Amino acid sequence: MEIGRRHHPIGSPFMNGPIIGKDVFVPLDTIIGGPDMIGQGWRMLVECLSIGRCITLPSGATGTARYALGWSGGFTRVRRQFNVPVAEMEGVQEPLARMAALAYISQATVYQTANMIDHGEKPAVPSAILKSQLTEFQRVLLSDAMDVHGGKAVTLGPRNYLGIGYSANPVAITVEGANIMTRNLMIFGQGAIRCHPYVLEELAAKDANDMKAFDKAFFGHAGLIFGNAARAFTLGFGIGKASVPLMAPPPLTPRTLLASRLALACAPTPPWQA
């Protein structure tokens, strides 16, 4: 075994680096899951990523949010300009309010998804949404914290409590699926499959080679497409308005009907034509 040079991801204290092995012997009783799981390491790793996206990174982003907000609130109350605490200036209050809102949202969403994990669920899509959104919140929070601290935060040193966290922010955005990939592949890709009433059943039936279950899901899918197309067509002539549930106040009713018709029209349309 050879342990290479330690990586330094933008100064973050990450124990990360290359480990090279040659002719390494691994006893069967040390394999996770036993001999039956030989060759399944990649699958197990990918299955664990949803838990990491649901707990580790969002919790870290929430902790960073509370940390940045706490220091920023205290600093702006102590720091005075023109004999007035900068916390009383509207230009400083704006980022402080934004930081407080994002920190509150982060804490609430972490509790929600952690509760799903406690109940034995595997929230692949919610965890991807959580990881993507909360690490982006972290980016905004740290930028706001740097802004309200001014010159105190731009010089590294033992009294700079924001500099390293600000520079290490891209680490959280990149690991366990960079946000660009998470947004496009996990949220919209898997989300479209898992939220569809028939696609997931079709894929499961295909993998199980269950023709009866596949036909049931396929014809249900076809009925949904033609049903949506028919409803969009009739709504275009002002027919069937009563079948559209309206949650908007009366002044917005025409726009709500238009949005419903366009949603129905785009549902059976391929993405390259929508």
C-alpha atoms as a PDB file:
ATOM      1  CA  MET A   1       0.000   0.000   0.000  1.00  0.00           C
ATOM      2  CA  GLU A   2       1.228   3.477  -0.854  1.00  0.00           C
ATOM      3  CA  ILE A   3      -0.381   6.633   0.513  1.00  0.00           C
ATOM      4  CA  GLY A   4       0.209   9.579  -1.786  1.00  0.00           C
ATOM      5  CA  ARG A   5       0.463  13.254  -1.005  1.00  0.00           C
ATOM      6  CA  ARG A   6      -2.492  14.725   0.823  1.00  0.00           C
ATOM      7  CA  HIS A   7      -4.817  16.899  -1.215  1.00  0.00           C
ATOM      8  CA  HIS A   8      -5.735  20.364   0.013  1.00  0.00           C
ATOM      9  CA  PRO A   9      -9.161  21.300  -1.371  1.00  0.00           C
ATOM     10  CA  ILE A  10      -8.893  25.110  -1.167  1.00  0.00           C
ATOM     11  CA  GLY A  11      -7.445  24.939   2.331  1.00  0.00           C
ATOM     12  CA  SER A  12     -10.302  22.875   3.752  1.00  0.00           C
ATOM     13  CA  PRO A  13      -9.205  20.338   6.414  1.00  0.00           C
ATOM     14  CA  PHE A  14     -10.317  17.409   4.281  1.00  0.00           C
ATOM     15  CA  MET A  15      -8.544  14.067   4.779  1.00  0.00           C
ATOM     16  CA  ASN A  16      -8.304  13.379   1.078  1.00  0.00           C
ATOM     17  CA  GLY A  17      -5.626  11.944  -1.172  1.00  0.00           C
ATOM     18  CA  PRO A  18      -4.610   8.998  -3.383  1.00  0.00           C
ATOM     19  CA  ILE A  19      -4.080   5.502  -1.967  1.00  0.00           C
ATOM     20  CA  ILE A  20      -2.430   3.047  -4.343  1.00  0.00           C
ATOM     21  CA  GLY A  21      -2.467  -0.694  -3.750  1.00  0.00           C
ATOM     22  CA  LYS A  22      -0.740  -3.524  -5.621  1.00  0.00           C
ATOM     23  CA  ASP A  23      -1.478  -7.215  -5.053  1.00  0.00           C
ATOM     24  CA  VAL A  24      -3.617  -6.327  -2.041  1.00  0.00           C
ATOM     25  CA  PHE A  25      -5.273  -9.273  -0.291  1.00  0.00           C
ATOM     26  CA  VAL A  26      -8.757  -8.598   1.107  1.00  0.00           C
ATOM     27  CA  PRO A  27     -10.182 -11.344   3.379  1.00  0.00           C
ATOM     28  CA  LEU A  28     -13.746 -12.340   2.544  1.00  0.00           C
ATOM     29  CA  ASP A  29     -14.986 -11.607   6.066  1.00  0.00           C
ATOM     30  CA  THR A  30     -13.958  -7.950   5.701  1.00  0.00           C
ATOM     31  CA  ILE A  31     -16.177  -7.349   2.661  1.00  0.00           C
ATOM     32  CA  ILE A  32     -19.247  -5.310   3.509  1.00  0.00           C
ATOM     33  CA  GLY A  33     -22.208  -7.645   3.145  1.00  0.00           C
ATOM     34  CA  GLY A  34     -20.035 -10.739   2.889  1.00  0.00           C
ATOM     35  CA  PRO A  35     -19.044 -12.722  -0.215  1.00  0.00           C
ATOM     36  CA  ASP A  36     -22.472 -12.211  -1.803  1.00  0.00           C
ATOM     37  CA  MET A  37     -21.688  -8.510  -2.258  1.00  0.00           C
ATOM     38  CA  ILE A  38     -18.452  -8.989  -4.188  1.00  0.00           C
ATOM     39  CA  GLY A  39     -18.530  -6.628  -7.158  1.00  0.00           C
ATOM     40  CA  GLN A  40     -21.375  -4.573  -5.683  1.00  0.00           C
ATOM     41  CA  GLY A  41     -19.220  -1.854  -4.125  1.00  0.00           C
ATOM     42  CA  TRP A  42     -20.114   0.810  -6.661  1.00  0.00           C
ATOM     43  CA  ARG A  43     -23.832   0.144  -6.267  1.00  0.00           C
ATOM     44  CA  MET A  44     -23.584   0.321  -2.478  1.00  0.00           C
ATOM     45  CA  LEU A  45     -21.629   3.559  -2.735  1.00  0.00           C
ATOM     46  CA  VAL A  46     -24.214   5.162  -5.011  1.00  0.00           C
ATOM     47  CA  GLU A  47     -27.024   4.043  -2.691  1.00  0.00           C
ATOM     48  CA  CYS A  48     -25.243   5.709   0.229  1.00  0.00           C
ATOM     49  CA  LEU A  49     -24.904   8.985  -1.657  1.00  0.00           C
ATOM     50  CA  SER A  50     -28.584   9.801  -1.205  1.00  0.00           C
ATOM     51  CA  ILE A  51     -28.120   9.569   2.564  1.00  0.00           C
ATOM     52  CA  GLY A  52     -25.021  11.755   2.383  1.00  0.00           C
ATOM     53  CA  ARG A  53     -26.832  14.301   0.269  1.00  0.00           C
ATOM     54  CA  CYS A  54     -29.718  14.227   2.727  1.00  0.00           C
ATOM     55  CA  ILE A  55     -27.781  14.560   5.992  1.00  0.00           C
ATOM     56  CA  THR A  56     -24.082  15.383   5.751  1.00  0.00           C
ATOM     57  CA  LEU A  57     -23.871  18.288   3.326  1.00  0.00           C
ATOM     58  CA  PRO A  58     -27.215  19.943   4.162  1.00  0.00           C
ATOM     59  CA  SER A  59     -26.395  19.756   7.871  1.00  0.00           C
ATOM     60  CA  GLY A  60     -22.987  21.259   7.190  1.00  0.00           C
ATOM     61  CA  ALA A  61     -24.551  24.017   5.105  1.00  0.00           C
ATOM     62  CA  THR A  62     -27.083  24.694   7.864  1.00  0.00           C
ATOM     63  CA  GLY A  63     -24.325  24.872  10.463  1.00  0.00           C
ATOM     64  CA  THR A  64     -22.389  27.255   8.235  1.00  0.00           C
ATOM     65  CA  ALA A  65     -25.512  29.385   7.818  1.00  0.00           C
ATOM     66  CA  ARG A  66     -26.063  29.660  11.562  1.00  0.00           C
ATOM     67  CA  TYR A  67     -22.362  30.296  12.141  1.00  0.00           C
ATOM     68  CA  ALA A  68     -22.184  33.076   9.552  1.00  0.00           C
ATOM     69  CA  LEU A  69     -25.439  34.633  10.738  1.00  0.00           C
ATOM     70  CA  GLY A  70     -24.404  34.568  14.391  1.00  0.00           C
ATOM     71  CA  TRP A  71     -21.060  36.222  13.755  1.00  0.00           C
ATOM     72  CA  SER A  72     -22.538  38.735  11.332  1.00  0.00           C
ATOM     73  CA  GLY A  73     -25.312  39.758  13.712  1.00  0.00           C
ATOM     74  CA  GLY A  74     -22.891  40.251  16.588  1.00  0.00           C
ATOM     75  CA  PHE A  75     -20.273  42.035  14.500  1.00  0.00           C
ATOM     76  CA  THR A  76     -22.708  44.492  12.931  1.00  0.00           C
ATOM     77  CA  ARG A  77     -24.060  45.374  16.372  1.00  0.00           C
ATOM     78  CA  VAL A  78     -20.569  46.058  17.760  1.00  0.00           C
ATOM     79  CA  ARG A  79     -19.082  47.713  14.666  1.00  0.00           C
ATOM     80  CA  ARG A  80     -19.929  51.404  14.571  1.00  0.00           C
ATOM     81  CA  GLN A  81     -19.741  53.869  11.706  1.00  0.00           C
ATOM     82  CA  PHE A  82     -20.599  57.569  12.078  1.00  0.00           C
ATOM     83  CA  ASN A  83     -21.174  56.765  15.764  1.00  0.00           C
ATOM     84  CA  VAL A  84     -24.016  54.381  14.825  1.00  0.00           C
ATOM     85  CA  PRO A  85     -23.962  50.542  14.873  1.00  0.00           C
ATOM     86  CA  VAL A  86     -23.864  49.372  11.270  1.00  0.00           C
ATOM     87  CA  ALA A  87     -26.672  46.929  12.126  1.00  0.00           C
ATOM     88  CA  GLU A  88     -29.025  49.920  12.192  1.00  0.00           C
ATOM     89  CA  MET A  89     -28.190  50.891   8.596  1.00  0.00           C
ATOM     90  CA  GLU A  90     -30.716  49.704   6.029  1.00  0.00           C
ATOM     91  CA  GLY A  91     -28.012  48.680   3.583  1.00  0.00           C
ATOM     92  CA  VAL A  92     -26.654  46.243   6.188  1.00  0.00           C
ATOM     93  CA  GLN A  93     -30.065  45.129   7.411  1.00  0.00           C
ATOM     94  CA  GLU A  94     -30.950  43.829   3.936  1.00  0.00           C
ATOM     95  CA  PRO A  95     -28.253  41.093   3.816  1.00  0.00           C
ATOM     96  CA  LEU A  96     -28.813  40.320   7.507  1.00  0.00           C
ATOM     97  CA  ALA A  97     -32.506  39.713   6.849  1.00  0.00           C
ATOM     98  CA  ARG A  98     -31.681  37.537   3.837  1.00  0.00           C
ATOM     99  CA  MET A  99     -29.204  35.524   5.907  1.00  0.00           C
ATOM    100  CA  ALA A 100     -31.757  35.005   8.687  1.00  0.00           C
ATOM    101  CA  ALA A 101     -34.391  33.814   6.209  1.00  0.00           C
ATOM    102  CA  LEU A 102     -32.054  31.375   4.445  1.00  0.00           C
ATOM    103  CA  ALA A 103     -30.725  30.024   7.746  1.00  0.00           C
ATOM    104  CA  TYR A 104     -34.279  29.400   8.975  1.00  0.00           C
ATOM    105  CA  ILE A 105     -35.266  27.652   5.731  1.00  0.00           C
ATOM    106  CA  SER A 106     -32.121  25.511   5.860  1.00  0.00           C
ATOM    107  CA  GLN A 107     -32.786  24.363   9.416  1.00  0.00           C
ATOM    108  CA  ALA A 108     -36.426  23.514   8.704  1.00  0.00           C
ATOM    109  CA  THR A 109     -35.680  21.489   5.561  1.00  0.00           C
ATOM    110  CA  VAL A 110     -32.899  19.525   7.246  1.00  0.00           C
ATOM    111  CA  TYR A 111     -35.324  18.480   9.997  1.00  0.00           C
ATOM    112  CA  GLN A 112     -37.889  17.423   7.395  1.00  0.00           C
ATOM    113  CA  THR A 113     -35.609  15.169   5.354  1.00  0.00           C
ATOM    114  CA  ALA A 114     -33.880  13.773   8.459  1.00  0.00           C
ATOM    115  CA  ASN A 115     -37.328  12.729   9.663  1.00  0.00           C
ATOM    116  CA  MET A 116     -37.849  10.897   6.359  1.00  0.00           C
ATOM    117  CA  ILE A 117     -34.587   9.001   6.920  1.00  0.00           C
ATOM    118  CA  ASP A 118     -35.665   8.112  10.475  1.00  0.00           C
ATOM    119  CA  HIS A 119     -38.819   6.546   9.027  1.00  0.00           C
ATOM    120  CA  GLY A 120     -36.775   4.288   6.752  1.00  0.00           C
ATOM    121  CA  GLU A 121     -37.329   6.165   3.504  1.00  0.00           C
ATOM    122  CA  LYS A 122     -34.673   6.739   0.841  1.00  0.00           C
ATOM    123  CA  PRO A 123     -35.496  10.218  -0.477  1.00  0.00           C
ATOM    124  CA  ALA A 124     -33.257  10.292  -3.539  1.00  0.00           C
ATOM    125  CA  VAL A 125     -34.880  13.279  -5.238  1.00  0.00           C
ATOM    126  CA  PRO A 126     -35.644  15.311  -2.067  1.00  0.00           C
ATOM    127  CA  SER A 127     -32.061  14.788  -0.909  1.00  0.00           C
ATOM    128  CA  ALA A 128     -30.750  16.046  -4.263  1.00  0.00           C
ATOM    129  CA  ILE A 129     -32.972  19.127  -4.029  1.00  0.00           C
ATOM    130  CA  LEU A 130     -31.837  19.680  -0.447  1.00  0.00           C
ATOM    131  CA  LYS A 131     -28.138  19.353  -1.219  1.00  0.00           C
ATOM    132  CA  SER A 132     -28.322  21.605  -4.264  1.00  0.00           C
ATOM    133  CA  GLN A 133     -30.423  24.338  -2.692  1.00  0.00           C
ATOM    134  CA  LEU A 134     -28.800  24.462   0.745  1.00  0.00           C
ATOM    135  CA  THR A 135     -25.247  24.593  -0.577  1.00  0.00           C
ATOM    136  CA  GLU A 136     -26.332  27.420  -2.884  1.00  0.00           C
ATOM    137  CA  PHE A 137     -27.886  29.107   0.167  1.00  0.00           C
ATOM    138  CA  GLN A 138     -24.512  28.668   1.840  1.00  0.00           C
ATOM    139  CA  ARG A 139     -22.833  30.472  -1.047  1.00  0.00           C
ATOM    140  CA  VAL A 140     -25.218  33.436  -0.690  1.00  0.00           C
ATOM    141  CA  LEU A 141     -24.918  33.496   3.099  1.00  0.00           C
ATOM    142  CA  LEU A 142     -21.140  33.520   3.075  1.00  0.00           C
ATOM    143  CA  SER A 143     -21.051  36.258   0.441  1.00  0.00           C
ATOM    144  CA  ASP A 144     -23.428  38.365   2.537  1.00  0.00           C
ATOM    145  CA  ALA A 145     -21.367  37.697   5.657  1.00  0.00           C
ATOM    146  CA  MET A 146     -18.213  38.825   3.864  1.00  0.00           C
ATOM    147  CA  ASP A 147     -20.003  41.964   2.696  1.00  0.00           C
ATOM    148  CA  VAL A 148     -21.188  43.046   6.132  1.00  0.00           C
ATOM    149  CA  HIS A 149     -17.798  42.317   7.725  1.00  0.00           C
ATOM    150  CA  GLY A 150     -15.978  44.454   5.192  1.00  0.00           C
ATOM    151  CA  GLY A 151     -12.222  44.695   5.640  1.00  0.00           C
ATOM    152  CA  LYS A 152     -12.158  42.446   8.702  1.00  0.00           C
ATOM    153  CA  ALA A 153     -12.923  39.354   6.623  1.00  0.00           C
ATOM    154  CA  VAL A 154     -10.561  39.821   3.682  1.00  0.00           C
ATOM    155  CA  THR A 155      -7.240  39.333   5.508  1.00  0.00           C
ATOM    156  CA  LEU A 156      -6.473  35.797   6.635  1.00  0.00           C
ATOM    157  CA  GLY A 157      -5.245  35.318  10.164  1.00  0.00           C
ATOM    158  CA  PRO A 158      -6.111  33.795  13.535  1.00  0.00           C
ATOM    159  CA  ARG A 159      -8.906  36.329  14.074  1.00  0.00           C
ATOM    160  CA  ASN A 160     -10.510  35.878  10.668  1.00  0.00           C
ATOM    161  CA  TYR A 161     -13.361  33.464  11.332  1.00  0.00           C
ATOM    162  CA  LEU A 162     -14.889  33.680   7.826  1.00  0.00           C
ATOM    163  CA  GLY A 163     -12.021  33.501   5.340  1.00  0.00           C
ATOM    164  CA  ILE A 164     -11.411  29.737   5.296  1.00  0.00           C
ATOM    165  CA  GLY A 165     -15.124  28.937   5.236  1.00  0.00           C
ATOM    166  CA  TYR A 166     -15.682  31.345   2.373  1.00  0.00           C
ATOM    167  CA  SER A 167     -12.833  29.887   0.311  1.00  0.00           C
ATOM    168  CA  ALA A 168     -13.915  26.295   1.051  1.00  0.00           C
ATOM    169  CA  ASN A 169     -17.515  26.860  -0.020  1.00  0.00           C
ATOM    170  CA  PRO A 170     -16.984  25.307  -3.517  1.00  0.00           C
ATOM    171  CA  VAL A 171     -16.068  22.017  -1.822  1.00  0.00           C
ATOM    172  CA  ALA A 172     -19.610  21.544  -0.516  1.00  0.00           C
ATOM    173  CA  ILE A 173     -21.053  22.594  -3.869  1.00  0.00           C
ATOM    174  CA  THR A 174     -18.883  20.091  -5.755  1.00  0.00           C
ATOM    175  CA  VAL A 175     -18.740  16.897  -3.653  1.00  0.00           C
ATOM    176  CA  GLU A 176     -21.347  14.094  -3.764  1.00  0.00           C
ATOM    177  CA  GLY A 177     -22.567  15.295  -7.132  1.00  0.00           C
ATOM    178  CA  ALA A 178     -21.746  18.811  -8.276  1.00  0.00           C
ATOM    179  CA  ASN A 179     -24.789  21.050  -8.227  1.00  0.00           C
ATOM    180  CA  ILE A 180     -24.822  21.348 -12.017  1.00  0.00           C
ATOM    181  CA  MET A 181     -25.067  17.560 -12.328  1.00  0.00           C
ATOM    182  CA  THR A 182     -27.381  17.247  -9.330  1.00  0.00           C
ATOM    183  CA  ARG A 183     -29.816  19.770 -10.757  1.00  0.00           C
ATOM    184  CA  ASN A 184     -29.986  18.323 -14.258  1.00  0.00           C
ATOM    185  CA  LEU A 185     -29.565  14.597 -13.650  1.00  0.00           C
ATOM    186  CA  MET A 186     -30.961  13.964 -10.182  1.00  0.00           C
ATOM    187  CA  ILE A 187     -33.654  16.589  -9.682  1.00  0.00           C
ATOM    188  CA  PHE A 188     -35.107  16.825 -13.182  1.00  0.00           C
ATOM    189  CA  GLY A 189     -34.005  13.428 -14.522  1.00  0.00           C
ATOM    190  CA  GLN A 190     -34.949  11.158 -11.624  1.00  0.00           C
ATOM    191  CA  GLY A 191     -37.635  13.578 -10.479  1.00  0.00           C
ATOM    192  CA  ALA A 192     -39.449  13.309 -13.793  1.00  0.00           C
ATOM    193  CA  ILE A 193     -39.334   9.507 -13.591  1.00  0.00           C
ATOM    194  CA  ARG A 194     -40.297   9.141  -9.935  1.00  0.00           C
ATOM    195  CA  CYS A 195     -43.052  11.760 -10.009  1.00  0.00           C
ATOM    196  CA  HIS A 196     -44.671  10.360 -13.148  1.00  0.00           C
ATOM    197  CA  PRO A 197     -47.630   8.075 -12.429  1.00  0.00           C
ATOM    198  CA  TYR A 198     -46.568   5.401 -14.948  1.00  0.00           C
ATOM    199  CA  VAL A 199     -42.914   5.682 -16.092  1.00  0.00           C
ATOM    200  CA  LEU A 200     -41.417   4.110 -12.963  1.00  0.00           C
ATOM    201  CA  GLU A 201     -43.886   1.216 -13.175  1.00  0.00           C
ATOM    202  CA  GLU A 202     -42.988   0.724 -16.857  1.00  0.00           C
ATOM    203  CA  LEU A 203     -39.262   0.588 -16.092  1.00  0.00           C
ATOM    204  CA  ALA A 204     -39.776  -1.806 -13.176  1.00  0.00           C
ATOM    205  CA  ALA A 205     -41.959  -4.088 -15.308  1.00  0.00           C
ATOM    206  CA  LYS A 206     -39.370  -4.069 -18.099  1.00  0.00           C
ATOM    207  CA  ASP A 207     -36.568  -5.020 -15.699  1.00  0.00           C
ATOM    208  CA  ALA A 208     -38.733  -7.805 -14.234  1.00  0.00           C
ATOM    209  CA  ASN A 209     -39.782  -8.967 -17.728  1.00  0.00           C
ATOM    210  CA  ASP A 210     -43.407  -8.752 -16.556  1.00  0.00           C
ATOM    211  CA  MET A 211     -45.412  -8.251 -19.746  1.00  0.00           C
ATOM    212  CA  LYS A 212     -48.769  -7.983 -17.971  1.00  0.00           C
ATOM    213  CA  ALA A 213     -47.602  -5.245 -15.587  1.00  0.00           C
ATOM    214  CA  PHE A 214     -45.887  -3.425 -18.444  1.00  0.00           C
ATOM    215  CA  ASP A 215     -49.025  -3.449 -20.603  1.00  0.00           C
ATOM    216  CA  LYS A 216     -51.083  -2.109 -17.714  1.00  0.00           C
ATOM    217  CA  ALA A 217     -48.644   0.749 -17.082  1.00  0.00           C
ATOM    218  CA  PHE A 218     -48.139   1.444 -20.800  1.00  0.00           C
ATOM    219  CA  PHE A 219     -51.824   1.746 -21.638  1.00  0.00           C
ATOM    220  CA  GLY A 220     -52.342   3.881 -18.545  1.00  0.00           C
ATOM    221  CA  HIS A 221     -49.514   6.113 -19.780  1.00  0.00           C
ATOM    222  CA  ALA A 222     -51.068   6.319 -23.239  1.00  0.00           C
ATOM    223  CA  GLY A 223     -54.457   7.172 -21.731  1.00  0.00           C
ATOM    224  CA  LEU A 224     -52.860   9.947 -19.687  1.00  0.00           C
ATOM    225  CA  ILE A 225     -51.235  11.442 -22.800  1.00  0.00           C
ATOM    226  CA  PHE A 226     -54.412  11.427 -24.881  1.00  0.00           C
ATOM    227  CA  GLY A 227     -56.486  12.618 -21.926  1.00  0.00           C
ATOM    228  CA  ASN A 228     -54.191  15.591 -21.354  1.00  0.00           C
ATOM    229  CA  ALA A 229     -54.208  16.410 -25.067  1.00  0.00           C
ATOM    230  CA  ALA A 230     -58.018  16.311 -25.160  1.00  0.00           C
ATOM    231  CA  ARG A 231     -58.333  18.512 -22.091  1.00  0.00           C
ATOM    232  CA  ALA A 232     -55.843  21.020 -23.514  1.00  0.00           C
ATOM    233  CA  PHE A 233     -57.771  21.091 -26.811  1.00  0.00           C
ATOM    234  CA  THR A 234     -61.141  21.662 -25.139  1.00  0.00           C
ATOM    235  CA  LEU A 235     -59.759  24.280 -22.757  1.00  0.00           C
ATOM    236  CA  GLY A 236     -58.469  26.144 -25.801  1.00  0.00           C
ATOM    237  CA  PHE A 237     -62.110  26.665 -26.802  1.00  0.00           C
ATOM    238  CA  GLY A 238     -63.150  27.596 -23.265  1.00  0.00           C
ATOM    239  CA  ILE A 239     -64.793  24.212 -22.653  1.00  0.00           C
ATOM    240  CA  GLY A 240     -64.299  22.276 -19.449  1.00  0.00           C
ATOM    241  CA  LYS A 241     -63.218  25.144 -17.225  1.00  0.00           C
ATOM    242  CA  ALA A 242     -65.037  23.606 -14.291  1.00  0.00           C
ATOM    243  CA  SER A 243     -62.721  20.573 -14.429  1.00  0.00           C
ATOM    244  CA  VAL A 244     -59.656  22.690 -13.642  1.00  0.00           C
ATOM    245  CA  PRO A 245     -59.117  23.184  -9.889  1.00  0.00           C
ATOM    246  CA  LEU A 246     -58.485  26.858  -9.237  1.00  0.00           C
ATOM    247  CA  MET A 247     -56.494  28.006  -6.230  1.00  0.00           C
ATOM    248  CA  ALA A 248     -55.996  31.573  -7.451  1.00  0.00           C
ATOM    249  CA  PRO A 249     -58.152  34.589  -6.542  1.00  0.00           C
ATOM    250  CA  PRO A 250     -60.758  35.667  -9.144  1.00  0.00           C
ATOM    251  CA  PRO A 251     -58.577  38.375 -10.780  1.00  0.00           C
ATOM    252  CA  LEU A 252     -56.011  35.687 -11.662  1.00  0.00           C
ATOM    253  CA  THR A 253     -58.514  33.079 -12.862  1.00  0.00           C
ATOM    254  CA  PRO A 254     -57.950  33.658 -16.632  1.00  0.00           C
ATOM    255  CA  ARG A 255     -54.185  33.360 -16.210  1.00  0.00           C
ATOM    256  CA  THR A 256     -54.585  30.255 -14.076  1.00  0.00           C
ATOM    257  CA  LEU A 257     -56.718  28.630 -16.775  1.00  0.00           C
ATOM    258  CA  LEU A 258     -54.131  29.570 -19.407  1.00  0.00           C
ATOM    259  CA  ALA A 259     -51.315  28.088 -17.316  1.00  0.00           C
ATOM    260  CA  SER A 260     -53.348  24.898 -16.812  1.00  0.00           C
ATOM    261  CA  ARG A 261     -54.019  24.590 -20.551  1.00  0.00           C
ATOM    262  CA  LEU A 262     -50.343  25.120 -21.423  1.00  0.00           C
ATOM    263  CA  ALA A 263     -49.275  22.565 -18.804  1.00  0.00           C
ATOM    264  CA  LEU A 264     -51.676  20.013 -20.280  1.00  0.00           C
ATOM    265  CA  ALA A 265     -50.495  20.821 -23.811  1.00  0.00           C
ATOM    266  CA  CYS A 266     -46.829  20.390 -22.895  1.00  0.00           C
ATOM    267  CA  ALA A 267     -47.368  17.142 -20.966  1.00  0.00           C
ATOM    268  CA  PRO A 268     -47.582  14.871 -24.068  1.00  0.00           C
ATOM    269  CA  THR A 269     -45.013  16.917 -26.010  1.00  0.00           C
ATOM    270  CA  PRO A 270     -41.404  15.686 -26.373  1.00  0.00           C
ATOM    271  CA  PRO A 271     -38.896  17.984 -24.626  1.00  0.00           C
ATOM    272  CA  TRP A 272     -37.282  19.063 -27.899  1.00  0.00           C
ATOM    273  CA  GLN A 273     -40.647  20.379 -29.109  1.00  0.00           C
ATOM    274  CA  ALA A 274     -41.990  21.858 -25.839  1.00  0.00           C
END
